[in-house]
Amino acid sequence: MNKSELIEALSEETTFSKKDIAKVLIAFTRIVERTLKKGDKVSLTGFGTYWISRRPERVGINPATKERIKLPAVNVPRFKPGKRLKEEIRSA
């Protein structure tokens, strides 16, 4: 499911217009991004939790040249599904 399909499904599920749903979805993603950048978690009970994990600096290998290269430390977004979501998927 892509963004436009999600917007359409949410519009059909609720009484809101596609335009209003799109605004809410954009606002939601911005808020999640802003919260994660601050280093905080976003937890949706039953659905899951988003957080940032720090991947330390490491040594990698360029597959084309087999040369060892230094890969910088980076922040990586993570997601852990909630109990209800796991149970729904397992029973599908």
N, C-alpha and C. Protein backbone atom coordinates (compact mmCIF):
# COMPACT_ATOMS: atom_id res chain seq x y z
N MET A 1 0.85 -1.17 0.00
CA MET A 1 0.00 0.00 0.00
C MET A 1 0.90 1.24 0.00
N ASN A 2 0.64 2.13 -0.92
CA ASN A 2 1.41 3.37 -0.96
C ASN A 2 0.61 4.49 -0.29
N LYS A 3 1.18 5.70 -0.28
CA LYS A 3 0.58 6.83 0.43
C LYS A 3 -0.83 7.14 -0.09
N SER A 4 -0.99 7.22 -1.40
CA SER A 4 -2.31 7.57 -1.94
C SER A 4 -3.35 6.48 -1.64
N GLU A 5 -2.94 5.22 -1.66
CA GLU A 5 -3.86 4.14 -1.32
C GLU A 5 -4.25 4.19 0.16
N LEU A 6 -3.27 4.56 1.01
CA LEU A 6 -3.55 4.71 2.44
C LEU A 6 -4.54 5.85 2.66
N ILE A 7 -4.33 6.96 1.99
CA ILE A 7 -5.24 8.11 2.11
C ILE A 7 -6.65 7.71 1.69
N GLU A 8 -6.76 7.00 0.59
CA GLU A 8 -8.08 6.57 0.11
C GLU A 8 -8.74 5.62 1.10
N ALA A 9 -7.97 4.66 1.64
CA ALA A 9 -8.53 3.71 2.60
C ALA A 9 -8.99 4.42 3.88
N LEU A 10 -8.20 5.37 4.36
CA LEU A 10 -8.59 6.13 5.55
C LEU A 10 -9.82 6.98 5.28
N SER A 11 -9.92 7.53 4.10
CA SER A 11 -11.08 8.34 3.73
C SER A 11 -12.34 7.48 3.70
N GLU A 12 -12.23 6.27 3.17
CA GLU A 12 -13.37 5.36 3.12
C GLU A 12 -13.77 4.88 4.52
N GLU A 13 -12.77 4.69 5.38
CA GLU A 13 -13.00 4.19 6.75
C GLU A 13 -13.64 5.27 7.64
N THR A 14 -13.33 6.52 7.35
CA THR A 14 -13.85 7.63 8.15
C THR A 14 -14.77 8.49 7.28
N THR A 15 -15.23 9.58 7.84
CA THR A 15 -16.08 10.50 7.07
C THR A 15 -15.28 11.71 6.59
N PHE A 16 -13.96 11.66 6.72
CA PHE A 16 -13.12 12.79 6.34
C PHE A 16 -12.77 12.74 4.85
N SER A 17 -12.54 13.92 4.28
CA SER A 17 -12.17 13.98 2.86
C SER A 17 -10.73 13.53 2.68
N LYS A 18 -10.39 13.17 1.45
CA LYS A 18 -9.02 12.76 1.14
C LYS A 18 -8.05 13.90 1.42
N LYS A 19 -8.48 15.12 1.16
CA LYS A 19 -7.62 16.29 1.39
C LYS A 19 -7.30 16.44 2.87
N ASP A 20 -8.31 16.27 3.73
CA ASP A 20 -8.10 16.36 5.17
C ASP A 20 -7.21 15.22 5.68
N ILE A 21 -7.45 14.02 5.18
CA ILE A 21 -6.64 12.85 5.57
C ILE A 21 -5.18 13.08 5.17
N ALA A 22 -4.95 13.61 3.98
CA ALA A 22 -3.58 13.87 3.51
C ALA A 22 -2.88 14.86 4.44
N LYS A 23 -3.58 15.90 4.87
CA LYS A 23 -3.00 16.88 5.79
C LYS A 23 -2.62 16.22 7.12
N VAL A 24 -3.50 15.38 7.63
CA VAL A 24 -3.24 14.70 8.90
C VAL A 24 -2.05 13.75 8.76
N LEU A 25 -1.99 13.02 7.67
CA LEU A 25 -0.90 12.07 7.45
C LEU A 25 0.45 12.79 7.33
N ILE A 26 0.47 13.91 6.62
CA ILE A 26 1.70 14.71 6.50
C ILE A 26 2.11 15.26 7.86
N ALA A 27 1.14 15.75 8.62
CA ALA A 27 1.43 16.28 9.96
C ALA A 27 1.96 15.17 10.87
N PHE A 28 1.38 13.99 10.79
CA PHE A 28 1.82 12.85 11.60
C PHE A 28 3.28 12.51 11.31
N THR A 29 3.63 12.40 10.03
CA THR A 29 5.00 12.04 9.68
C THR A 29 5.99 13.13 10.12
N ARG A 30 5.60 14.39 9.99
CA ARG A 30 6.48 15.48 10.44
C ARG A 30 6.70 15.43 11.95
N ILE A 31 5.64 15.17 12.69
CA ILE A 31 5.74 15.10 14.15
C ILE A 31 6.62 13.93 14.57
N VAL A 32 6.45 12.78 13.93
CA VAL A 32 7.29 11.62 14.25
C VAL A 32 8.75 11.94 13.94
N GLU A 33 9.03 12.52 12.79
CA GLU A 33 10.40 12.88 12.42
C GLU A 33 11.01 13.85 13.43
N ARG A 34 10.26 14.88 13.79
CA ARG A 34 10.74 15.89 14.74
C ARG A 34 11.02 15.27 16.11
N THR A 35 10.13 14.40 16.55
CA THR A 35 10.29 13.75 17.84
C THR A 35 11.51 12.84 17.86
N LEU A 36 11.71 12.09 16.79
CA LEU A 36 12.86 11.20 16.71
C LEU A 36 14.17 11.98 16.64
N LYS A 37 14.17 13.10 15.92
CA LYS A 37 15.37 13.93 15.83
C LYS A 37 15.78 14.44 17.20
N LYS A 38 14.79 14.71 18.08
CA LYS A 38 15.09 15.17 19.43
C LYS A 38 15.62 14.03 20.31
N GLY A 39 15.51 12.80 19.83
CA GLY A 39 15.98 11.66 20.60
C GLY A 39 14.90 10.99 21.42
N ASP A 40 13.65 11.41 21.25
CA ASP A 40 12.54 10.82 22.00
C ASP A 40 11.91 9.68 21.21
N LYS A 41 11.14 8.85 21.91
CA LYS A 41 10.41 7.75 21.28
C LYS A 41 9.00 8.19 20.92
N VAL A 42 8.41 7.50 19.95
CA VAL A 42 6.99 7.67 19.61
C VAL A 42 6.36 6.31 19.82
N SER A 43 5.43 6.24 20.77
CA SER A 43 4.81 4.97 21.12
C SER A 43 3.31 5.03 20.87
N LEU A 44 2.81 4.12 20.06
CA LEU A 44 1.38 4.00 19.78
C LEU A 44 0.93 2.67 20.39
N THR A 45 0.28 2.74 21.54
CA THR A 45 -0.09 1.54 22.28
C THR A 45 -0.82 0.54 21.39
N GLY A 46 -0.34 -0.69 21.41
CA GLY A 46 -0.93 -1.76 20.61
C GLY A 46 -0.38 -1.84 19.20
N PHE A 47 0.09 -0.72 18.66
CA PHE A 47 0.61 -0.71 17.29
C PHE A 47 2.12 -0.90 17.28
N GLY A 48 2.85 -0.04 18.03
CA GLY A 48 4.29 -0.19 18.07
C GLY A 48 4.99 1.06 18.53
N THR A 49 6.33 0.98 18.55
CA THR A 49 7.16 2.08 19.02
C THR A 49 8.24 2.38 17.99
N TYR A 50 8.42 3.67 17.72
CA TYR A 50 9.50 4.16 16.87
C TYR A 50 10.56 4.79 17.76
N TRP A 51 11.84 4.57 17.46
CA TRP A 51 12.92 5.21 18.18
C TRP A 51 14.16 5.28 17.29
N ILE A 52 15.16 6.02 17.74
CA ILE A 52 16.41 6.16 17.00
C ILE A 52 17.48 5.32 17.69
N SER A 53 18.22 4.58 16.89
CA SER A 53 19.34 3.79 17.38
C SER A 53 20.61 4.32 16.74
N ARG A 54 21.69 4.37 17.50
CA ARG A 54 22.96 4.87 16.99
C ARG A 54 23.80 3.69 16.49
N ARG A 55 24.14 3.70 15.21
CA ARG A 55 25.02 2.68 14.66
C ARG A 55 26.44 3.24 14.73
N PRO A 56 27.34 2.59 15.47
CA PRO A 56 28.68 3.14 15.64
C PRO A 56 29.52 3.10 14.35
N GLU A 57 30.58 3.88 14.37
CA GLU A 57 31.52 3.88 13.25
C GLU A 57 32.08 2.47 13.09
N ARG A 58 32.28 2.05 11.84
CA ARG A 58 32.79 0.70 11.60
C ARG A 58 33.60 0.66 10.32
N VAL A 59 34.27 -0.45 10.13
CA VAL A 59 35.07 -0.65 8.92
C VAL A 59 34.28 -1.55 7.99
N GLY A 60 34.14 -1.12 6.73
CA GLY A 60 33.44 -1.89 5.72
C GLY A 60 34.38 -2.21 4.58
N ILE A 61 33.89 -2.95 3.61
CA ILE A 61 34.70 -3.33 2.45
C ILE A 61 33.97 -2.91 1.19
N ASN A 62 34.68 -2.16 0.32
CA ASN A 62 34.13 -1.80 -0.98
C ASN A 62 34.10 -3.07 -1.82
N PRO A 63 32.91 -3.56 -2.22
CA PRO A 63 32.83 -4.83 -2.95
C PRO A 63 33.51 -4.80 -4.32
N ALA A 64 33.61 -3.63 -4.92
CA ALA A 64 34.22 -3.54 -6.25
C ALA A 64 35.75 -3.65 -6.18
N THR A 65 36.33 -3.00 -5.18
CA THR A 65 37.80 -2.96 -5.10
C THR A 65 38.38 -3.78 -3.96
N LYS A 66 37.52 -4.31 -3.09
CA LYS A 66 37.92 -5.06 -1.89
C LYS A 66 38.74 -4.20 -0.93
N GLU A 67 38.70 -2.90 -1.13
CA GLU A 67 39.41 -1.97 -0.27
C GLU A 67 38.61 -1.75 1.02
N ARG A 68 39.31 -1.68 2.15
CA ARG A 68 38.65 -1.41 3.43
C ARG A 68 38.36 0.08 3.52
N ILE A 69 37.14 0.40 3.91
CA ILE A 69 36.75 1.80 4.04
C ILE A 69 36.13 2.02 5.43
N LYS A 70 36.23 3.24 5.89
CA LYS A 70 35.70 3.61 7.19
C LYS A 70 34.28 4.17 7.00
N LEU A 71 33.31 3.53 7.63
CA LEU A 71 31.93 3.97 7.55
C LEU A 71 31.61 4.78 8.80
N PRO A 72 31.07 5.99 8.64
CA PRO A 72 30.82 6.86 9.80
C PRO A 72 29.67 6.35 10.66
N ALA A 73 29.62 6.82 11.89
CA ALA A 73 28.51 6.53 12.79
C ALA A 73 27.26 7.23 12.25
N VAL A 74 26.13 6.57 12.36
CA VAL A 74 24.88 7.14 11.86
C VAL A 74 23.73 6.83 12.82
N ASN A 75 22.70 7.67 12.78
CA ASN A 75 21.45 7.40 13.49
C ASN A 75 20.53 6.64 12.56
N VAL A 76 19.87 5.60 13.09
CA VAL A 76 19.01 4.76 12.28
C VAL A 76 17.63 4.67 12.94
N PRO A 77 16.55 4.93 12.19
CA PRO A 77 15.22 4.78 12.78
C PRO A 77 14.89 3.29 12.97
N ARG A 78 14.23 2.99 14.06
CA ARG A 78 13.84 1.61 14.37
C ARG A 78 12.34 1.57 14.68
N PHE A 79 11.76 0.37 14.52
CA PHE A 79 10.35 0.16 14.85
C PHE A 79 10.19 -1.20 15.48
N LYS A 80 9.47 -1.24 16.60
CA LYS A 80 9.15 -2.52 17.24
C LYS A 80 7.63 -2.63 17.27
N PRO A 81 7.06 -3.65 16.65
CA PRO A 81 5.61 -3.79 16.65
C PRO A 81 5.07 -4.07 18.04
N GLY A 82 3.87 -3.56 18.30
CA GLY A 82 3.21 -3.78 19.58
C GLY A 82 2.55 -5.14 19.65
N LYS A 83 2.12 -5.51 20.84
CA LYS A 83 1.53 -6.81 21.08
C LYS A 83 0.29 -7.07 20.22
N ARG A 84 -0.62 -6.08 20.16
CA ARG A 84 -1.85 -6.26 19.39
C ARG A 84 -1.56 -6.45 17.90
N LEU A 85 -0.63 -5.67 17.35
CA LEU A 85 -0.26 -5.79 15.93
C LEU A 85 0.33 -7.16 15.65
N LYS A 86 1.22 -7.62 16.52
CA LYS A 86 1.82 -8.95 16.35
C LYS A 86 0.75 -10.05 16.34
N GLU A 87 -0.19 -9.95 17.29
CA GLU A 87 -1.25 -10.95 17.38
C GLU A 87 -2.16 -10.94 16.15
N GLU A 88 -2.48 -9.74 15.65
CA GLU A 88 -3.32 -9.63 14.45
C GLU A 88 -2.63 -10.25 13.23
N ILE A 89 -1.35 -9.99 13.09
CA ILE A 89 -0.60 -10.52 11.94
C ILE A 89 -0.47 -12.04 12.03
N ARG A 90 -0.19 -12.53 13.23
CA ARG A 90 -0.04 -13.98 13.41
C ARG A 90 -1.32 -14.73 13.10
N SER A 91 -2.47 -14.15 13.43
CA SER A 91 -3.74 -14.83 13.23
C SER A 91 -4.29 -14.68 11.82
N ALA A 92 -3.60 -13.92 10.98
CA ALA A 92 -4.08 -13.68 9.62
C ALA A 92 -3.94 -14.90 8.74
